[in-house]
Amino acid sequence: MTEAQVRTALTDMLREILNDPGLELPADRRESDIAKFDSGNKVMLILAIEERFAIRLRSREIDALRTFGDWVTLVHSHSTSAGGRQQD
């Protein structure tokens, strides 16, 4: 899966979780700049990512995330490793 595909998938997930179909997420957008993105929604996103991409995110990886681009890079790196599976 390409980074662009990961970005699209994550954007769609967040739009659904936050019930905001018009949400735009440039790579430099910080979590704190996303309205309604709280700790509960973050957990929902993590669970959705782990299920969708068949990966496990570590706490220290999640703690290091600062921007939406960081999320994309992390998920892409996991999804292209041996443990991730691709879905269309």
Protein backbone atom coordinates (compact mmCIF):
# COMPACT_ATOMS: atom_id res chain seq x y z
CA MET A 1 0.00 0.00 0.00
CA THR A 2 1.38 3.40 -0.93
CA GLU A 3 1.63 6.33 1.46
CA ALA A 4 -1.09 8.08 -0.55
CA GLN A 5 -3.41 5.10 -0.04
CA VAL A 6 -2.63 5.06 3.68
CA ARG A 7 -3.30 8.82 3.88
CA THR A 8 -6.67 8.35 2.15
CA ALA A 9 -7.63 5.43 4.40
CA LEU A 10 -6.68 7.33 7.58
CA THR A 11 -8.53 10.43 6.43
CA ASP A 12 -11.63 8.35 5.76
CA MET A 13 -11.34 6.70 9.19
CA LEU A 14 -11.06 10.03 10.99
CA ARG A 15 -13.92 11.50 8.99
CA GLU A 16 -16.10 8.61 10.11
CA ILE A 17 -14.93 8.63 13.74
CA LEU A 18 -15.40 12.40 14.06
CA ASN A 19 -18.54 12.46 11.89
CA ASP A 20 -16.96 15.17 9.73
CA PRO A 21 -17.12 14.23 6.02
CA GLY A 22 -15.37 17.44 4.97
CA LEU A 23 -12.36 17.02 7.26
CA GLU A 24 -9.08 17.90 5.54
CA LEU A 25 -5.83 16.59 7.00
CA PRO A 26 -2.64 18.07 5.58
CA ALA A 27 0.55 16.27 6.66
CA ASP A 28 1.55 19.06 9.08
CA ARG A 29 -1.78 19.17 10.91
CA ARG A 30 -1.37 18.43 14.61
CA GLU A 31 -3.78 16.31 16.62
CA SER A 32 -4.53 19.28 18.85
CA ASP A 33 -5.68 21.24 15.77
CA ILE A 34 -8.38 18.71 14.89
CA ALA A 35 -11.71 19.65 16.44
CA LYS A 36 -13.32 16.83 18.44
CA PHE A 37 -10.14 14.70 18.35
CA ASP A 38 -9.87 13.72 21.99
CA SER A 39 -8.36 10.74 23.80
CA GLY A 40 -11.44 8.59 23.22
CA ASN A 41 -11.40 9.28 19.49
CA LYS A 42 -7.68 8.60 19.43
CA VAL A 43 -8.26 5.15 20.92
CA MET A 44 -11.00 4.52 18.35
CA LEU A 45 -8.60 5.52 15.56
CA ILE A 46 -5.84 3.26 16.90
CA LEU A 47 -8.21 0.30 17.09
CA ALA A 48 -9.55 0.99 13.59
CA ILE A 49 -6.00 1.23 12.21
CA GLU A 50 -4.93 -2.00 13.87
CA GLU A 51 -7.96 -3.83 12.50
CA ARG A 52 -7.87 -2.33 8.99
CA PHE A 53 -4.15 -2.83 8.45
CA ALA A 54 -3.69 -5.95 10.63
CA ILE A 55 -0.90 -4.28 12.59
CA ARG A 56 -0.13 -3.55 16.23
CA LEU A 57 0.98 -0.09 17.23
CA ARG A 58 3.23 0.25 20.26
CA SER A 59 2.59 2.81 22.98
CA ARG A 60 5.95 4.49 22.45
CA GLU A 61 5.21 4.83 18.72
CA ILE A 62 1.83 6.39 19.42
CA ASP A 63 3.31 8.75 22.02
CA ALA A 64 5.82 10.02 19.45
CA LEU A 65 3.13 11.04 16.93
CA ARG A 66 2.78 14.79 16.50
CA THR A 67 1.18 15.38 13.09
CA PHE A 68 -1.15 13.61 10.71
CA GLY A 69 1.89 13.00 8.50
CA ASP A 70 3.50 11.12 11.40
CA TRP A 71 0.42 8.85 11.58
CA VAL A 72 0.65 8.16 7.85
CA THR A 73 4.37 7.38 8.02
CA LEU A 74 3.94 5.06 11.00
CA VAL A 75 1.03 3.11 9.51
CA HIS A 76 2.76 2.90 6.12
CA SER A 77 5.93 1.55 7.69
CA HIS A 78 3.96 -1.13 9.53
CA SER A 79 1.72 -2.01 6.60
CA THR A 80 4.68 -2.61 4.29
CA SER A 81 6.47 -4.81 6.82
CA ALA A 82 5.96 -8.56 7.04
CA GLY A 83 3.14 -8.25 9.59
CA GLY A 84 0.84 -5.93 7.64
CA ARG A 85 -1.70 -7.05 5.11
CA GLN A 86 -3.01 -5.06 2.23
CA GLN A 87 -6.69 -4.53 1.62
CA ASP A 88 -8.33 -2.81 -1.33
